[in-house]
Amino acid sequence: MSKLMKNEKGFTLIEVLVALGLLGVFAAVFLTGIATSSKAILIADEQTTAESLARSQMEYVKELDYINGATSYDPAQIPAEHVGFSATIDAVELAAGLQEITVTIDYSSEVVITLEDYKVDR
């Protein structure tokens, strides 16, 4: 063995502390990334569900009989698996036989999406 190898007994306290500090920083960055991506996935899922519900509500309203002068329509029942979502459907008479329909989907009392389209008296 060389002289250098005889004097080295292991890691110093400072080396261990530096290594632990670096490991802590890497762990914090990794966990922050996981938390951010998890939140993004939840938001995307909420948006997708709200958009699907809004389109379903719009189709439901278009199938209902046309009501002259209506300012709103009752929404279709939202499936039980979509707890926390609610829908409101507003109507504005633009001309005789033409209404602008606005479907708003809320989740926990916050607007997630608003969809607008037209309903024609046929």
N, C-alpha and C. Protein backbone atom coordinates (compact mmCIF):
# COMPACT_ATOMS: atom_id res chain seq x y z
N MET A 1 0.83 -1.19 0.00
CA MET A 1 0.00 0.00 0.00
C MET A 1 0.87 1.25 0.00
N SER A 2 0.37 2.25 -0.66
CA SER A 2 1.12 3.51 -0.67
C SER A 2 0.84 4.29 0.60
N LYS A 3 1.65 5.33 0.80
CA LYS A 3 1.49 6.15 2.01
C LYS A 3 0.14 6.88 2.03
N LEU A 4 -0.34 7.29 0.86
CA LEU A 4 -1.62 8.00 0.80
C LEU A 4 -2.78 7.10 1.26
N MET A 5 -2.76 5.86 0.88
CA MET A 5 -3.83 4.94 1.23
C MET A 5 -3.87 4.64 2.73
N LYS A 6 -2.70 4.61 3.39
CA LYS A 6 -2.66 4.31 4.82
C LYS A 6 -3.31 5.41 5.65
N ASN A 7 -3.19 6.67 5.21
CA ASN A 7 -3.70 7.79 5.99
C ASN A 7 -5.21 8.02 5.78
N GLU A 8 -5.80 7.46 4.74
CA GLU A 8 -7.23 7.67 4.47
C GLU A 8 -8.05 6.62 5.21
N LYS A 9 -8.81 7.06 6.18
CA LYS A 9 -9.61 6.16 7.00
C LYS A 9 -11.09 6.13 6.57
N GLY A 10 -11.56 7.13 5.83
CA GLY A 10 -12.97 7.22 5.42
C GLY A 10 -13.32 8.66 5.07
N PHE A 11 -14.60 8.94 5.02
CA PHE A 11 -15.07 10.27 4.69
C PHE A 11 -15.01 11.17 5.91
N THR A 12 -14.72 12.43 5.66
CA THR A 12 -14.74 13.40 6.76
C THR A 12 -16.18 13.84 7.01
N LEU A 13 -16.43 14.45 8.14
CA LEU A 13 -17.76 14.93 8.48
C LEU A 13 -18.24 15.95 7.45
N ILE A 14 -17.37 16.81 6.99
CA ILE A 14 -17.74 17.85 6.02
C ILE A 14 -18.17 17.20 4.71
N GLU A 15 -17.46 16.17 4.26
CA GLU A 15 -17.84 15.49 3.03
C GLU A 15 -19.22 14.84 3.15
N VAL A 16 -19.49 14.25 4.28
CA VAL A 16 -20.80 13.64 4.51
C VAL A 16 -21.89 14.70 4.53
N LEU A 17 -21.64 15.82 5.20
CA LEU A 17 -22.64 16.89 5.26
C LEU A 17 -22.90 17.49 3.88
N VAL A 18 -21.86 17.67 3.09
CA VAL A 18 -22.02 18.21 1.73
C VAL A 18 -22.86 17.22 0.90
N ALA A 19 -22.53 15.93 1.00
CA ALA A 19 -23.28 14.92 0.25
C ALA A 19 -24.75 14.90 0.67
N LEU A 20 -25.01 14.98 1.96
CA LEU A 20 -26.39 15.00 2.45
C LEU A 20 -27.12 16.26 1.99
N GLY A 21 -26.42 17.38 1.98
CA GLY A 21 -27.02 18.64 1.50
C GLY A 21 -27.41 18.54 0.03
N LEU A 22 -26.51 17.99 -0.78
CA LEU A 22 -26.81 17.83 -2.21
C LEU A 22 -27.98 16.86 -2.41
N LEU A 23 -27.99 15.79 -1.65
CA LEU A 23 -29.08 14.82 -1.74
C LEU A 23 -30.41 15.48 -1.36
N GLY A 24 -30.39 16.32 -0.34
CA GLY A 24 -31.59 17.04 0.08
C GLY A 24 -32.10 17.99 -0.99
N VAL A 25 -31.18 18.69 -1.64
CA VAL A 25 -31.57 19.62 -2.72
C VAL A 25 -32.19 18.84 -3.87
N PHE A 26 -31.55 17.75 -4.27
CA PHE A 26 -32.09 16.94 -5.37
C PHE A 26 -33.46 16.37 -5.01
N ALA A 27 -33.62 15.92 -3.79
CA ALA A 27 -34.90 15.37 -3.35
C ALA A 27 -35.98 16.44 -3.36
N ALA A 28 -35.66 17.64 -2.91
CA ALA A 28 -36.63 18.74 -2.90
C ALA A 28 -37.06 19.10 -4.32
N VAL A 29 -36.11 19.17 -5.25
CA VAL A 29 -36.43 19.49 -6.64
C VAL A 29 -37.31 18.39 -7.24
N PHE A 30 -36.96 17.15 -6.98
CA PHE A 30 -37.72 16.02 -7.50
C PHE A 30 -39.15 16.02 -6.96
N LEU A 31 -39.33 16.22 -5.67
CA LEU A 31 -40.66 16.22 -5.07
C LEU A 31 -41.50 17.41 -5.54
N THR A 32 -40.85 18.56 -5.75
CA THR A 32 -41.56 19.72 -6.28
C THR A 32 -42.06 19.43 -7.69
N GLY A 33 -41.24 18.79 -8.48
CA GLY A 33 -41.65 18.42 -9.84
C GLY A 33 -42.82 17.46 -9.84
N ILE A 34 -42.80 16.49 -8.95
CA ILE A 34 -43.90 15.53 -8.86
C ILE A 34 -45.18 16.24 -8.42
N ALA A 35 -45.08 17.12 -7.44
CA ALA A 35 -46.26 17.85 -6.96
C ALA A 35 -46.85 18.73 -8.07
N THR A 36 -45.99 19.40 -8.82
CA THR A 36 -46.45 20.27 -9.90
C THR A 36 -47.13 19.46 -11.00
N SER A 37 -46.54 18.35 -11.38
CA SER A 37 -47.15 17.53 -12.43
C SER A 37 -48.46 16.91 -11.95
N SER A 38 -48.55 16.53 -10.70
CA SER A 38 -49.80 15.99 -10.17
C SER A 38 -50.91 17.03 -10.20
N LYS A 39 -50.59 18.26 -9.85
CA LYS A 39 -51.58 19.33 -9.88
C LYS A 39 -52.01 19.61 -11.32
N ALA A 40 -51.05 19.59 -12.25
CA ALA A 40 -51.38 19.82 -13.66
C ALA A 40 -52.30 18.73 -14.19
N ILE A 41 -52.08 17.49 -13.77
CA ILE A 41 -52.94 16.38 -14.21
C ILE A 41 -54.35 16.57 -13.65
N LEU A 42 -54.48 16.98 -12.40
CA LEU A 42 -55.80 17.20 -11.81
C LEU A 42 -56.55 18.33 -12.52
N ILE A 43 -55.84 19.40 -12.84
CA ILE A 43 -56.46 20.53 -13.54
C ILE A 43 -56.90 20.11 -14.94
N ALA A 44 -56.05 19.36 -15.64
CA ALA A 44 -56.40 18.90 -16.98
C ALA A 44 -57.61 17.97 -16.94
N ASP A 45 -57.68 17.12 -15.94
CA ASP A 45 -58.83 16.21 -15.79
C ASP A 45 -60.10 17.00 -15.52
N GLU A 46 -59.99 18.01 -14.66
CA GLU A 46 -61.14 18.86 -14.34
C GLU A 46 -61.64 19.58 -15.61
N GLN A 47 -60.70 20.12 -16.39
CA GLN A 47 -61.05 20.83 -17.63
C GLN A 47 -61.72 19.90 -18.63
N THR A 48 -61.17 18.70 -18.78
CA THR A 48 -61.72 17.74 -19.73
C THR A 48 -63.13 17.32 -19.33
N THR A 49 -63.32 17.04 -18.05
CA THR A 49 -64.65 16.66 -17.55
C THR A 49 -65.64 17.81 -17.75
N ALA A 50 -65.22 19.02 -17.44
CA ALA A 50 -66.11 20.19 -17.59
C ALA A 50 -66.48 20.40 -19.05
N GLU A 51 -65.52 20.24 -19.95
CA GLU A 51 -65.82 20.42 -21.37
C GLU A 51 -66.81 19.36 -21.85
N SER A 52 -66.63 18.13 -21.42
CA SER A 52 -67.55 17.06 -21.80
C SER A 52 -68.95 17.33 -21.26
N LEU A 53 -69.03 17.77 -20.01
CA LEU A 53 -70.33 18.10 -19.43
C LEU A 53 -70.99 19.26 -20.16
N ALA A 54 -70.21 20.27 -20.51
CA ALA A 54 -70.76 21.44 -21.21
C ALA A 54 -71.33 21.04 -22.57
N ARG A 55 -70.59 20.20 -23.29
CA ARG A 55 -71.08 19.74 -24.60
C ARG A 55 -72.36 18.90 -24.44
N SER A 56 -72.40 18.06 -23.42
CA SER A 56 -73.60 17.26 -23.17
C SER A 56 -74.80 18.14 -22.85
N GLN A 57 -74.58 19.15 -22.01
CA GLN A 57 -75.66 20.07 -21.65
C GLN A 57 -76.15 20.84 -22.89
N MET A 58 -75.22 21.25 -23.75
CA MET A 58 -75.60 21.98 -24.95
C MET A 58 -76.45 21.10 -25.88
N GLU A 59 -76.06 19.87 -26.05
CA GLU A 59 -76.85 18.95 -26.88
C GLU A 59 -78.23 18.71 -26.26
N TYR A 60 -78.27 18.60 -24.95
CA TYR A 60 -79.54 18.42 -24.25
C TYR A 60 -80.47 19.60 -24.53
N VAL A 61 -79.97 20.82 -24.42
CA VAL A 61 -80.79 22.01 -24.63
C VAL A 61 -81.26 22.10 -26.07
N LYS A 62 -80.40 21.75 -27.00
CA LYS A 62 -80.79 21.82 -28.42
C LYS A 62 -81.91 20.83 -28.74
N GLU A 63 -82.00 19.73 -27.99
CA GLU A 63 -83.06 18.74 -28.22
C GLU A 63 -84.39 19.16 -27.59
N LEU A 64 -84.35 20.08 -26.63
CA LEU A 64 -85.59 20.55 -26.00
C LEU A 64 -86.39 21.40 -26.98
N ASP A 65 -87.71 21.50 -26.71
CA ASP A 65 -88.55 22.36 -27.53
C ASP A 65 -88.10 23.81 -27.36
N TYR A 66 -88.18 24.55 -28.46
CA TYR A 66 -87.84 25.97 -28.44
C TYR A 66 -88.89 26.72 -27.64
N ILE A 67 -88.44 27.61 -26.74
CA ILE A 67 -89.35 28.41 -25.93
C ILE A 67 -89.08 29.88 -26.25
N ASN A 68 -90.07 30.54 -26.88
CA ASN A 68 -89.92 31.96 -27.21
C ASN A 68 -89.73 32.78 -25.95
N GLY A 69 -88.74 33.65 -25.94
CA GLY A 69 -88.50 34.55 -24.82
C GLY A 69 -87.85 33.90 -23.61
N ALA A 70 -87.42 32.67 -23.73
CA ALA A 70 -86.78 32.00 -22.58
C ALA A 70 -85.47 32.69 -22.24
N THR A 71 -85.22 32.84 -20.96
CA THR A 71 -83.94 33.43 -20.52
C THR A 71 -83.02 32.36 -19.93
N SER A 72 -83.58 31.18 -19.71
CA SER A 72 -82.76 30.07 -19.21
C SER A 72 -83.49 28.75 -19.47
N TYR A 73 -82.72 27.68 -19.37
CA TYR A 73 -83.28 26.33 -19.47
C TYR A 73 -82.76 25.55 -18.27
N ASP A 74 -83.55 24.57 -17.83
CA ASP A 74 -83.10 23.70 -16.75
C ASP A 74 -82.05 22.73 -17.31
N PRO A 75 -80.94 22.60 -16.63
CA PRO A 75 -79.89 21.68 -17.13
C PRO A 75 -80.28 20.22 -16.92
N ALA A 76 -79.65 19.36 -17.71
CA ALA A 76 -79.82 17.92 -17.52
C ALA A 76 -79.11 17.53 -16.23
N GLN A 77 -79.53 16.42 -15.66
CA GLN A 77 -78.89 15.95 -14.43
C GLN A 77 -77.45 15.53 -14.73
N ILE A 78 -76.54 15.97 -13.87
CA ILE A 78 -75.13 15.63 -14.02
C ILE A 78 -74.91 14.26 -13.36
N PRO A 79 -74.22 13.35 -14.05
CA PRO A 79 -73.99 12.01 -13.47
C PRO A 79 -73.35 12.08 -12.09
N ALA A 80 -73.70 11.11 -11.26
CA ALA A 80 -73.25 11.08 -9.86
C ALA A 80 -71.74 11.02 -9.70
N GLU A 81 -71.03 10.45 -10.69
CA GLU A 81 -69.57 10.35 -10.55
C GLU A 81 -68.85 11.70 -10.70
N HIS A 82 -69.60 12.72 -11.12
CA HIS A 82 -69.01 14.05 -11.28
C HIS A 82 -69.42 14.95 -10.11
N VAL A 83 -69.09 14.53 -8.92
CA VAL A 83 -69.42 15.27 -7.71
C VAL A 83 -68.71 16.63 -7.72
N GLY A 84 -69.44 17.66 -7.37
CA GLY A 84 -68.86 19.00 -7.30
C GLY A 84 -69.10 19.84 -8.53
N PHE A 85 -69.53 19.22 -9.64
CA PHE A 85 -69.81 19.96 -10.87
C PHE A 85 -71.28 20.38 -10.89
N SER A 86 -71.54 21.58 -11.42
CA SER A 86 -72.91 22.04 -11.62
C SER A 86 -72.98 22.80 -12.94
N ALA A 87 -74.18 22.91 -13.48
CA ALA A 87 -74.37 23.56 -14.77
C ALA A 87 -75.47 24.60 -14.68
N THR A 88 -75.29 25.70 -15.41
CA THR A 88 -76.34 26.70 -15.60
C THR A 88 -76.45 26.95 -17.10
N ILE A 89 -77.67 27.15 -17.56
CA ILE A 89 -77.90 27.37 -18.98
C ILE A 89 -78.72 28.65 -19.15
N ASP A 90 -78.11 29.64 -19.78
CA ASP A 90 -78.77 30.92 -20.03
C ASP A 90 -79.09 31.04 -21.52
N ALA A 91 -80.16 31.78 -21.81
CA ALA A 91 -80.59 31.99 -23.20
C ALA A 91 -80.85 33.47 -23.43
N VAL A 92 -80.48 33.93 -24.61
CA VAL A 92 -80.77 35.31 -25.02
C VAL A 92 -81.43 35.24 -26.39
N GLU A 93 -82.60 35.86 -26.51
CA GLU A 93 -83.33 35.90 -27.78
C GLU A 93 -82.65 36.92 -28.69
N LEU A 94 -82.07 36.46 -29.79
CA LEU A 94 -81.38 37.35 -30.72
C LEU A 94 -82.31 37.86 -31.81
N ALA A 95 -83.18 37.00 -32.26
CA ALA A 95 -84.18 37.34 -33.29
C ALA A 95 -85.30 36.33 -33.13
N ALA A 96 -86.36 36.54 -33.89
CA ALA A 96 -87.48 35.59 -33.82
C ALA A 96 -86.98 34.21 -34.26
N GLY A 97 -87.08 33.26 -33.35
CA GLY A 97 -86.67 31.90 -33.68
C GLY A 97 -85.19 31.62 -33.53
N LEU A 98 -84.43 32.54 -32.90
CA LEU A 98 -82.99 32.34 -32.73
C LEU A 98 -82.57 32.78 -31.32
N GLN A 99 -81.96 31.86 -30.59
CA GLN A 99 -81.46 32.14 -29.24
C GLN A 99 -79.97 31.83 -29.16
N GLU A 100 -79.27 32.65 -28.40
CA GLU A 100 -77.89 32.34 -28.07
C GLU A 100 -77.92 31.62 -26.72
N ILE A 101 -77.35 30.42 -26.68
CA ILE A 101 -77.36 29.60 -25.47
C ILE A 101 -75.95 29.62 -24.87
N THR A 102 -75.89 29.87 -23.57
CA THR A 102 -74.61 29.85 -22.85
C THR A 102 -74.69 28.81 -21.74
N VAL A 103 -73.80 27.83 -21.83
CA VAL A 103 -73.72 26.78 -20.81
C VAL A 103 -72.48 27.06 -19.97
N THR A 104 -72.66 27.16 -18.67
CA THR A 104 -71.56 27.40 -17.76
C THR A 104 -71.44 26.21 -16.82
N ILE A 105 -70.22 25.66 -16.74
CA ILE A 105 -69.96 24.54 -15.84
C ILE A 105 -69.08 25.04 -14.71
N ASP A 106 -69.56 24.83 -13.47
CA ASP A 106 -68.82 25.21 -12.27
C ASP A 106 -68.30 23.96 -11.58
N TYR A 107 -67.16 24.10 -10.93
CA TYR A 107 -66.66 23.03 -10.06
C TYR A 107 -66.29 23.67 -8.74
N SER A 108 -66.91 23.24 -7.68
CA SER A 108 -66.73 23.81 -6.35
C SER A 108 -66.93 25.32 -6.37
N SER A 109 -68.00 25.74 -7.02
CA SER A 109 -68.42 27.15 -7.11
C SER A 109 -67.47 28.04 -7.90
N GLU A 110 -66.58 27.47 -8.70
CA GLU A 110 -65.70 28.25 -9.58
C GLU A 110 -65.99 27.88 -11.02
N VAL A 111 -66.12 28.89 -11.88
CA VAL A 111 -66.39 28.63 -13.30
C VAL A 111 -65.19 27.95 -13.92
N VAL A 112 -65.45 26.80 -14.56
CA VAL A 112 -64.38 26.06 -15.22
C VAL A 112 -64.41 26.31 -16.72
N ILE A 113 -65.63 26.29 -17.29
CA ILE A 113 -65.75 26.49 -18.74
C ILE A 113 -67.10 27.10 -19.06
N THR A 114 -67.12 27.91 -20.11
CA THR A 114 -68.35 28.49 -20.63
C THR A 114 -68.40 28.17 -22.11
N LEU A 115 -69.52 27.63 -22.55
CA LEU A 115 -69.69 27.23 -23.93
C LEU A 115 -70.90 27.96 -24.50
N GLU A 116 -70.73 28.56 -25.68
CA GLU A 116 -71.82 29.30 -26.31
C GLU A 116 -72.15 28.69 -27.66
N ASP A 117 -73.44 28.68 -27.97
CA ASP A 117 -73.91 28.18 -29.26
C ASP A 117 -75.29 28.77 -29.51
N TYR A 118 -75.94 28.35 -30.59
CA TYR A 118 -77.23 28.90 -30.94
C TYR A 118 -78.29 27.82 -31.02
N LYS A 119 -79.52 28.21 -30.69
CA LYS A 119 -80.67 27.31 -30.77
C LYS A 119 -81.66 27.97 -31.72
N VAL A 120 -82.14 27.16 -32.67
CA VAL A 120 -83.04 27.66 -33.70
C VAL A 120 -84.38 26.98 -33.55
N ASP A 121 -85.43 27.76 -33.72
CA ASP A 121 -86.79 27.20 -33.69
C ASP A 121 -87.05 26.52 -35.02
N ARG A 122 -87.23 25.19 -34.97
CA ARG A 122 -87.45 24.43 -36.22
C ARG A 122 -88.82 23.87 -36.25
